[in-house]
Amino acid sequence: MKFAPLCVLACALALPLAASAQWQWIDNQGKKVFSDQPPPADVPEKNVLRRPGGRTATAVPPANAPKADAAATPAPKAAGVDKELEEKARKAEEAEKAKRAAEEQKIAKAKADNCIRARQGKATMDSGMRVARMNDKGEREIMDDQARASEQRRLQDIINADCK
């Protein structure tokens, strides 16, 4: 055989393949439409019957046929996949609860420590003995009555907030 007839034969055999690269859908009037372009955006996904590449959708009933209730027949689920997903979600939720509980416990311990320190400081301020502090320069200075009253209010606020 010569090369030219083989090319013609190959083209003739490839012609149906080009035709299979078509879209097929049912339009809004219930008519089947064939095209090499995808359907317009207003066509629902359930009305697309065929896509390029040989992929076909499930058969769609005619537009005037009674529609079945979708809620009555749920889609089948892969049992193994659902169980795995549920197990992962449950484990993630448990881990999150444990993390929150640990954080709450840490906060409660910090509040208890703050409460103890504030009560000790308040007892020292209420005792009336001289209290010295270090200033910004690192020098020691004795607290006057105004500074003592301010510190007593601050410590009382901490006690009110953390000692419950």
N, C-alpha and C. Protein backbone atom coordinates (compact mmCIF):
# COMPACT_ATOMS: atom_id res chain seq x y z
N MET A 1 0.83 -1.18 0.00
CA MET A 1 0.00 0.00 0.00
C MET A 1 0.87 1.23 0.00
N LYS A 2 0.30 2.26 -0.53
CA LYS A 2 1.01 3.52 -0.58
C LYS A 2 0.64 4.37 0.62
N PHE A 3 1.42 5.39 0.86
CA PHE A 3 1.27 6.24 2.03
C PHE A 3 -0.01 7.08 1.99
N ALA A 4 -0.38 7.63 0.87
CA ALA A 4 -1.55 8.50 0.75
C ALA A 4 -2.84 7.78 1.13
N PRO A 5 -3.09 6.59 0.61
CA PRO A 5 -4.33 5.91 1.01
C PRO A 5 -4.37 5.59 2.52
N LEU A 6 -3.19 5.29 3.09
CA LEU A 6 -3.16 5.03 4.52
C LEU A 6 -3.54 6.28 5.32
N CYS A 7 -3.08 7.43 4.88
CA CYS A 7 -3.43 8.69 5.57
C CYS A 7 -4.93 8.96 5.47
N VAL A 8 -5.50 8.73 4.31
CA VAL A 8 -6.93 8.95 4.12
C VAL A 8 -7.72 7.99 5.01
N LEU A 9 -7.28 6.73 5.07
CA LEU A 9 -7.96 5.75 5.90
C LEU A 9 -7.85 6.13 7.39
N ALA A 10 -6.68 6.58 7.83
CA ALA A 10 -6.50 6.98 9.23
C ALA A 10 -7.38 8.18 9.57
N CYS A 11 -7.48 9.12 8.65
CA CYS A 11 -8.34 10.29 8.88
C CYS A 11 -9.81 9.87 8.95
N ALA A 12 -10.20 8.95 8.09
CA ALA A 12 -11.59 8.49 8.10
C ALA A 12 -11.92 7.77 9.40
N LEU A 13 -10.96 7.01 9.94
CA LEU A 13 -11.19 6.32 11.20
C LEU A 13 -11.15 7.28 12.39
N ALA A 14 -10.39 8.37 12.28
CA ALA A 14 -10.28 9.34 13.38
C ALA A 14 -11.46 10.31 13.41
N LEU A 15 -12.22 10.39 12.35
CA LEU A 15 -13.34 11.32 12.28
C LEU A 15 -14.38 11.08 13.37
N PRO A 16 -14.76 9.86 13.68
CA PRO A 16 -15.73 9.67 14.77
C PRO A 16 -15.18 10.10 16.14
N LEU A 17 -13.86 10.04 16.31
CA LEU A 17 -13.28 10.49 17.57
C LEU A 17 -13.49 11.98 17.77
N ALA A 18 -13.42 12.74 16.71
CA ALA A 18 -13.66 14.18 16.81
C ALA A 18 -15.11 14.46 17.17
N ALA A 19 -16.00 13.62 16.66
CA ALA A 19 -17.41 13.80 16.96
C ALA A 19 -17.71 13.46 18.43
N SER A 20 -16.90 12.60 19.04
CA SER A 20 -17.16 12.25 20.44
C SER A 20 -16.72 13.37 21.39
N ALA A 21 -15.98 14.35 20.89
CA ALA A 21 -15.56 15.48 21.71
C ALA A 21 -16.65 16.55 21.68
N GLN A 22 -17.86 16.12 21.97
CA GLN A 22 -18.99 17.04 21.96
C GLN A 22 -19.69 17.03 23.30
N TRP A 23 -20.34 18.13 23.57
CA TRP A 23 -21.19 18.24 24.74
C TRP A 23 -22.60 17.88 24.35
N GLN A 24 -23.34 17.30 25.26
CA GLN A 24 -24.75 17.00 25.03
C GLN A 24 -25.49 17.35 26.30
N TRP A 25 -26.55 18.14 26.17
CA TRP A 25 -27.35 18.52 27.32
C TRP A 25 -28.78 18.76 26.92
N ILE A 26 -29.65 18.87 27.90
CA ILE A 26 -31.06 19.18 27.65
C ILE A 26 -31.27 20.63 28.04
N ASP A 27 -31.77 21.41 27.09
CA ASP A 27 -31.94 22.84 27.36
C ASP A 27 -33.22 23.09 28.16
N ASN A 28 -33.52 24.35 28.40
CA ASN A 28 -34.67 24.73 29.23
C ASN A 28 -36.01 24.34 28.60
N GLN A 29 -36.05 24.17 27.29
CA GLN A 29 -37.30 23.77 26.62
C GLN A 29 -37.44 22.25 26.53
N GLY A 30 -36.46 21.50 27.07
CA GLY A 30 -36.53 20.04 27.07
C GLY A 30 -35.96 19.41 25.82
N LYS A 31 -35.25 20.16 24.97
CA LYS A 31 -34.67 19.62 23.74
C LYS A 31 -33.22 19.24 23.98
N LYS A 32 -32.80 18.14 23.33
CA LYS A 32 -31.41 17.73 23.41
C LYS A 32 -30.58 18.64 22.52
N VAL A 33 -29.45 19.09 23.07
CA VAL A 33 -28.56 19.98 22.32
C VAL A 33 -27.20 19.32 22.24
N PHE A 34 -26.61 19.32 21.02
CA PHE A 34 -25.27 18.80 20.80
C PHE A 34 -24.40 19.98 20.39
N SER A 35 -23.19 20.09 21.00
CA SER A 35 -22.33 21.21 20.66
C SER A 35 -20.89 20.86 21.02
N ASP A 36 -19.95 21.58 20.37
CA ASP A 36 -18.55 21.43 20.74
C ASP A 36 -18.17 22.44 21.83
N GLN A 37 -19.12 23.27 22.24
CA GLN A 37 -18.93 24.25 23.31
C GLN A 37 -19.68 23.76 24.55
N PRO A 38 -19.18 24.12 25.75
CA PRO A 38 -19.91 23.71 26.95
C PRO A 38 -21.27 24.40 27.03
N PRO A 39 -22.20 23.84 27.79
CA PRO A 39 -23.53 24.45 27.89
C PRO A 39 -23.47 25.79 28.61
N PRO A 40 -24.47 26.64 28.40
CA PRO A 40 -24.50 27.93 29.11
C PRO A 40 -24.60 27.71 30.62
N ALA A 41 -24.29 28.75 31.36
CA ALA A 41 -24.26 28.65 32.81
C ALA A 41 -25.64 28.40 33.41
N ASP A 42 -26.70 28.76 32.71
CA ASP A 42 -28.04 28.58 33.27
C ASP A 42 -28.55 27.14 33.15
N VAL A 43 -27.80 26.26 32.49
CA VAL A 43 -28.21 24.86 32.37
C VAL A 43 -27.74 24.12 33.63
N PRO A 44 -28.66 23.49 34.37
CA PRO A 44 -28.26 22.78 35.58
C PRO A 44 -27.35 21.60 35.27
N GLU A 45 -26.51 21.24 36.22
CA GLU A 45 -25.54 20.15 36.05
C GLU A 45 -26.24 18.83 35.77
N LYS A 46 -27.42 18.63 36.32
CA LYS A 46 -28.14 17.37 36.10
C LYS A 46 -28.61 17.22 34.66
N ASN A 47 -28.70 18.32 33.90
CA ASN A 47 -29.15 18.24 32.52
C ASN A 47 -28.02 17.99 31.54
N VAL A 48 -26.77 17.96 31.99
CA VAL A 48 -25.64 17.68 31.10
C VAL A 48 -25.55 16.17 30.94
N LEU A 49 -25.71 15.70 29.71
CA LEU A 49 -25.73 14.26 29.44
C LEU A 49 -24.36 13.70 29.08
N ARG A 50 -23.56 14.46 28.33
CA ARG A 50 -22.26 13.97 27.89
C ARG A 50 -21.28 15.12 27.86
N ARG A 51 -20.04 14.78 28.19
CA ARG A 51 -18.94 15.74 28.17
C ARG A 51 -17.87 15.23 27.20
N PRO A 52 -17.00 16.08 26.77
CA PRO A 52 -15.91 15.62 25.89
C PRO A 52 -15.04 14.60 26.62
N GLY A 53 -14.46 13.70 25.87
CA GLY A 53 -13.59 12.69 26.46
C GLY A 53 -14.33 11.41 26.75
N GLY A 54 -15.56 11.26 26.29
CA GLY A 54 -16.29 10.03 26.46
C GLY A 54 -16.98 9.88 27.80
N ARG A 55 -16.87 10.87 28.66
CA ARG A 55 -17.53 10.78 29.96
C ARG A 55 -19.01 11.09 29.77
N THR A 56 -19.84 10.23 30.29
CA THR A 56 -21.28 10.45 30.17
C THR A 56 -21.87 10.61 31.56
N ALA A 57 -22.92 11.36 31.64
CA ALA A 57 -23.64 11.53 32.90
C ALA A 57 -24.76 10.51 32.95
N THR A 58 -25.41 10.42 34.06
CA THR A 58 -26.53 9.50 34.19
C THR A 58 -27.67 10.02 33.34
N ALA A 59 -28.55 9.12 32.97
CA ALA A 59 -29.68 9.49 32.12
C ALA A 59 -30.57 10.47 32.85
N VAL A 60 -31.03 11.47 32.12
CA VAL A 60 -31.91 12.49 32.68
C VAL A 60 -33.31 12.26 32.11
N PRO A 61 -34.33 12.23 32.95
CA PRO A 61 -35.68 12.02 32.43
C PRO A 61 -36.12 13.25 31.63
N PRO A 62 -37.06 13.08 30.74
CA PRO A 62 -37.56 14.22 29.98
C PRO A 62 -38.09 15.30 30.90
N ALA A 63 -38.18 16.51 30.38
CA ALA A 63 -38.57 17.65 31.20
C ALA A 63 -40.01 17.51 31.71
N ASN A 64 -40.88 16.84 30.96
CA ASN A 64 -42.27 16.74 31.37
C ASN A 64 -42.55 15.51 32.23
N ALA A 65 -41.54 14.69 32.53
CA ALA A 65 -41.73 13.50 33.35
C ALA A 65 -41.81 13.91 34.82
N PRO A 66 -42.59 13.17 35.63
CA PRO A 66 -42.67 13.52 37.05
C PRO A 66 -41.32 13.28 37.71
N LYS A 67 -40.97 14.17 38.61
CA LYS A 67 -39.67 14.09 39.27
C LYS A 67 -39.81 13.27 40.55
N ALA A 68 -38.80 12.44 40.82
CA ALA A 68 -38.80 11.65 42.04
C ALA A 68 -38.32 12.52 43.19
N ASP A 69 -38.77 12.20 44.38
CA ASP A 69 -38.38 12.97 45.57
C ASP A 69 -36.95 12.60 45.93
N ALA A 70 -36.04 13.57 45.91
CA ALA A 70 -34.63 13.33 46.18
C ALA A 70 -34.41 12.97 47.64
N ALA A 71 -35.23 13.48 48.53
CA ALA A 71 -35.05 13.21 49.96
C ALA A 71 -35.44 11.77 50.30
N ALA A 72 -36.32 11.18 49.51
CA ALA A 72 -36.79 9.83 49.79
C ALA A 72 -35.71 8.80 49.51
N THR A 73 -34.82 9.05 48.55
CA THR A 73 -33.78 8.10 48.21
C THR A 73 -32.43 8.77 48.36
N PRO A 74 -31.81 8.64 49.53
CA PRO A 74 -30.51 9.26 49.72
C PRO A 74 -29.45 8.58 48.87
N ALA A 75 -28.42 9.32 48.53
CA ALA A 75 -27.34 8.77 47.72
C ALA A 75 -26.56 7.75 48.56
N PRO A 76 -26.13 6.66 47.93
CA PRO A 76 -25.36 5.68 48.69
C PRO A 76 -24.02 6.26 49.10
N LYS A 77 -23.56 5.90 50.31
CA LYS A 77 -22.29 6.41 50.81
C LYS A 77 -21.32 5.25 50.96
N ALA A 78 -20.07 5.57 50.82
CA ALA A 78 -19.04 4.57 51.05
C ALA A 78 -18.87 4.43 52.55
N ALA A 79 -19.22 3.29 53.09
CA ALA A 79 -19.23 3.10 54.53
C ALA A 79 -17.85 3.25 55.14
N GLY A 80 -16.83 2.74 54.50
CA GLY A 80 -15.48 2.82 55.04
C GLY A 80 -14.98 4.24 55.11
N VAL A 81 -15.27 5.01 54.10
CA VAL A 81 -14.81 6.40 54.06
C VAL A 81 -15.51 7.21 55.14
N ASP A 82 -16.82 7.03 55.29
CA ASP A 82 -17.56 7.77 56.31
C ASP A 82 -17.07 7.43 57.71
N LYS A 83 -16.82 6.17 57.97
CA LYS A 83 -16.35 5.77 59.30
C LYS A 83 -14.98 6.38 59.57
N GLU A 84 -14.12 6.38 58.56
CA GLU A 84 -12.78 6.98 58.74
C GLU A 84 -12.90 8.47 59.01
N LEU A 85 -13.75 9.15 58.25
CA LEU A 85 -13.93 10.59 58.45
C LEU A 85 -14.51 10.89 59.82
N GLU A 86 -15.50 10.11 60.23
CA GLU A 86 -16.10 10.30 61.55
C GLU A 86 -15.07 10.07 62.65
N GLU A 87 -14.24 9.04 62.48
CA GLU A 87 -13.21 8.73 63.48
C GLU A 87 -12.19 9.86 63.56
N LYS A 88 -11.77 10.39 62.41
CA LYS A 88 -10.82 11.50 62.40
C LYS A 88 -11.43 12.74 63.05
N ALA A 89 -12.68 13.01 62.73
CA ALA A 89 -13.35 14.18 63.30
C ALA A 89 -13.50 14.02 64.81
N ARG A 90 -13.83 12.83 65.26
CA ARG A 90 -13.98 12.58 66.69
C ARG A 90 -12.64 12.75 67.42
N LYS A 91 -11.58 12.22 66.84
CA LYS A 91 -10.25 12.35 67.45
C LYS A 91 -9.81 13.81 67.48
N ALA A 92 -10.08 14.54 66.41
CA ALA A 92 -9.71 15.95 66.38
C ALA A 92 -10.49 16.73 67.43
N GLU A 93 -11.76 16.41 67.59
CA GLU A 93 -12.59 17.08 68.60
C GLU A 93 -12.10 16.76 70.01
N GLU A 94 -11.74 15.50 70.26
CA GLU A 94 -11.22 15.12 71.57
C GLU A 94 -9.90 15.83 71.85
N ALA A 95 -9.05 15.93 70.85
CA ALA A 95 -7.77 16.62 71.03
C ALA A 95 -7.99 18.09 71.33
N GLU A 96 -8.95 18.70 70.66
CA GLU A 96 -9.27 20.11 70.90
C GLU A 96 -9.82 20.30 72.32
N LYS A 97 -10.68 19.39 72.77
CA LYS A 97 -11.22 19.47 74.14
C LYS A 97 -10.10 19.33 75.17
N ALA A 98 -9.19 18.40 74.94
CA ALA A 98 -8.07 18.20 75.87
C ALA A 98 -7.17 19.44 75.90
N LYS A 99 -6.96 20.03 74.75
CA LYS A 99 -6.14 21.24 74.66
C LYS A 99 -6.80 22.39 75.42
N ARG A 100 -8.11 22.56 75.22
CA ARG A 100 -8.85 23.61 75.93
C ARG A 100 -8.83 23.37 77.44
N ALA A 101 -9.00 22.11 77.86
CA ALA A 101 -8.99 21.79 79.28
C ALA A 101 -7.62 22.09 79.90
N ALA A 102 -6.56 21.75 79.18
CA ALA A 102 -5.21 22.03 79.69
C ALA A 102 -4.97 23.54 79.80
N GLU A 103 -5.44 24.28 78.81
CA GLU A 103 -5.29 25.74 78.83
C GLU A 103 -6.09 26.35 79.99
N GLU A 104 -7.31 25.87 80.20
CA GLU A 104 -8.13 26.36 81.31
C GLU A 104 -7.48 26.04 82.65
N GLN A 105 -6.89 24.85 82.77
CA GLN A 105 -6.23 24.46 84.00
C GLN A 105 -5.01 25.35 84.25
N LYS A 106 -4.27 25.66 83.20
CA LYS A 106 -3.11 26.54 83.31
C LYS A 106 -3.53 27.93 83.76
N ILE A 107 -4.61 28.45 83.20
CA ILE A 107 -5.12 29.78 83.58
C ILE A 107 -5.60 29.77 85.03
N ALA A 108 -6.28 28.70 85.43
CA ALA A 108 -6.77 28.61 86.81
C ALA A 108 -5.61 28.57 87.80
N LYS A 109 -4.53 27.87 87.46
CA LYS A 109 -3.36 27.82 88.34
C LYS A 109 -2.71 29.20 88.44
N ALA A 110 -2.60 29.91 87.32
CA ALA A 110 -2.01 31.26 87.34
C ALA A 110 -2.86 32.20 88.18
N LYS A 111 -4.19 32.09 88.08
CA LYS A 111 -5.07 32.94 88.89
C LYS A 111 -4.92 32.62 90.38
N ALA A 112 -4.80 31.35 90.71
CA ALA A 112 -4.63 30.96 92.11
C ALA A 112 -3.31 31.52 92.66
N ASP A 113 -2.24 31.43 91.86
CA ASP A 113 -0.96 31.99 92.29
C ASP A 113 -1.05 33.50 92.46
N ASN A 114 -1.70 34.18 91.51
CA ASN A 114 -1.88 35.63 91.61
C ASN A 114 -2.69 35.99 92.86
N CYS A 115 -3.69 35.20 93.16
CA CYS A 115 -4.52 35.45 94.33
C CYS A 115 -3.70 35.36 95.61
N ILE A 116 -2.88 34.32 95.71
CA ILE A 116 -2.05 34.15 96.91
C ILE A 116 -1.09 35.33 97.07
N ARG A 117 -0.43 35.70 95.98
CA ARG A 117 0.51 36.82 96.05
C ARG A 117 -0.18 38.13 96.40
N ALA A 118 -1.35 38.35 95.82
CA ALA A 118 -2.09 39.60 96.08
C ALA A 118 -2.53 39.66 97.54
N ARG A 119 -2.98 38.54 98.09
CA ARG A 119 -3.40 38.52 99.51
C ARG A 119 -2.21 38.77 100.45
N GLN A 120 -1.06 38.18 100.09
CA GLN A 120 0.13 38.41 100.90
C GLN A 120 0.55 39.88 100.84
N GLY A 121 0.54 40.45 99.63
CA GLY A 121 0.90 41.86 99.47
C GLY A 121 -0.08 42.77 100.20
N LYS A 122 -1.37 42.46 100.14
CA LYS A 122 -2.39 43.27 100.81
C LYS A 122 -2.19 43.20 102.32
N ALA A 123 -1.87 42.02 102.84
CA ALA A 123 -1.62 41.88 104.27
C ALA A 123 -0.42 42.72 104.69
N THR A 124 0.61 42.75 103.86
CA THR A 124 1.79 43.57 104.15
C THR A 124 1.42 45.04 104.16
N MET A 125 0.64 45.48 103.17
CA MET A 125 0.24 46.90 103.09
C MET A 125 -0.67 47.28 104.26
N ASP A 126 -1.55 46.35 104.66
CA ASP A 126 -2.48 46.63 105.76
C ASP A 126 -1.79 46.63 107.12
N SER A 127 -0.63 45.99 107.23
CA SER A 127 0.05 45.89 108.53
C SER A 127 0.58 47.24 109.01
N GLY A 128 0.82 48.17 108.13
CA GLY A 128 1.30 49.49 108.51
C GLY A 128 2.80 49.60 108.62
N MET A 129 3.55 48.56 108.43
CA MET A 129 4.99 48.67 108.50
C MET A 129 5.55 49.35 107.26
N ARG A 130 6.73 49.87 107.36
CA ARG A 130 7.35 50.58 106.25
C ARG A 130 7.64 49.60 105.11
N VAL A 131 7.36 50.06 103.88
CA VAL A 131 7.61 49.25 102.69
C VAL A 131 8.49 50.08 101.77
N ALA A 132 9.56 49.48 101.31
CA ALA A 132 10.47 50.16 100.40
C ALA A 132 10.37 49.52 99.03
N ARG A 133 10.56 50.33 98.00
CA ARG A 133 10.55 49.86 96.62
C ARG A 133 11.80 50.35 95.93
N MET A 134 12.11 49.73 94.80
CA MET A 134 13.22 50.19 93.98
C MET A 134 12.62 51.07 92.89
N ASN A 135 13.19 52.25 92.69
CA ASN A 135 12.70 53.14 91.64
C ASN A 135 13.38 52.80 90.31
N ASP A 136 13.13 53.61 89.29
CA ASP A 136 13.66 53.35 87.96
C ASP A 136 15.19 53.38 87.92
N LYS A 137 15.79 54.14 88.80
CA LYS A 137 17.25 54.26 88.82
C LYS A 137 17.90 53.16 89.65
N GLY A 138 17.09 52.31 90.26
CA GLY A 138 17.62 51.24 91.08
C GLY A 138 17.85 51.67 92.52
N GLU A 139 17.36 52.85 92.87
CA GLU A 139 17.50 53.35 94.24
C GLU A 139 16.31 52.88 95.08
N ARG A 140 16.60 52.70 96.36
CA ARG A 140 15.55 52.26 97.28
C ARG A 140 14.82 53.49 97.81
N GLU A 141 13.47 53.45 97.79
CA GLU A 141 12.68 54.56 98.32
C GLU A 141 11.53 54.01 99.15
N ILE A 142 11.18 54.72 100.19
CA ILE A 142 10.11 54.32 101.10
C ILE A 142 8.79 54.82 100.51
N MET A 143 7.75 53.97 100.55
CA MET A 143 6.43 54.35 100.02
C MET A 143 5.74 55.30 100.99
N ASP A 144 5.18 56.39 100.46
CA ASP A 144 4.42 57.31 101.29
C ASP A 144 2.97 56.81 101.37
N ASP A 145 2.12 57.53 102.11
CA ASP A 145 0.73 57.11 102.32
C ASP A 145 -0.06 57.04 101.02
N GLN A 146 0.17 57.95 100.10
CA GLN A 146 -0.55 57.97 98.82
C GLN A 146 -0.17 56.74 97.99
N ALA A 147 1.12 56.42 97.90
CA ALA A 147 1.59 55.25 97.14
C ALA A 147 1.07 53.97 97.80
N ARG A 148 1.04 53.93 99.14
CA ARG A 148 0.54 52.77 99.87
C ARG A 148 -0.95 52.56 99.56
N ALA A 149 -1.75 53.64 99.56
CA ALA A 149 -3.18 53.53 99.27
C ALA A 149 -3.40 53.07 97.83
N SER A 150 -2.61 53.58 96.91
CA SER A 150 -2.72 53.17 95.51
C SER A 150 -2.40 51.68 95.36
N GLU A 151 -1.37 51.22 96.03
CA GLU A 151 -0.99 49.80 95.97
C GLU A 151 -2.06 48.93 96.61
N GLN A 152 -2.67 49.39 97.71
CA GLN A 152 -3.74 48.62 98.34
C GLN A 152 -4.93 48.47 97.40
N ARG A 153 -5.29 49.54 96.68
CA ARG A 153 -6.40 49.46 95.71
C ARG A 153 -6.06 48.48 94.58
N ARG A 154 -4.83 48.55 94.08
CA ARG A 154 -4.41 47.66 92.98
C ARG A 154 -4.47 46.20 93.45
N LEU A 155 -3.97 45.92 94.64
CA LEU A 155 -3.99 44.55 95.16
C LEU A 155 -5.42 44.07 95.41
N GLN A 156 -6.29 44.95 95.87
CA GLN A 156 -7.68 44.58 96.10
C GLN A 156 -8.38 44.25 94.77
N ASP A 157 -8.07 45.01 93.71
CA ASP A 157 -8.63 44.70 92.39
C ASP A 157 -8.19 43.31 91.91
N ILE A 158 -6.93 42.99 92.15
CA ILE A 158 -6.43 41.66 91.75
C ILE A 158 -7.14 40.57 92.56
N ILE A 159 -7.32 40.82 93.86
CA ILE A 159 -8.02 39.84 94.70
C ILE A 159 -9.46 39.65 94.21
N ASN A 160 -10.12 40.77 93.89
CA ASN A 160 -11.51 40.67 93.39
C ASN A 160 -11.58 39.91 92.09
N ALA A 161 -10.59 40.05 91.23
CA ALA A 161 -10.63 39.42 89.92
C ALA A 161 -10.22 37.94 89.97
N ASP A 162 -9.19 37.61 90.76
CA ASP A 162 -8.62 36.27 90.70
C ASP A 162 -9.03 35.34 91.84
N CYS A 163 -9.53 35.87 92.93
CA CYS A 163 -9.86 35.02 94.09
C CYS A 163 -11.36 34.75 94.13
N LYS A 164 -11.83 33.87 93.30
CA LYS A 164 -13.27 33.55 93.28
C LYS A 164 -13.47 32.11 93.60
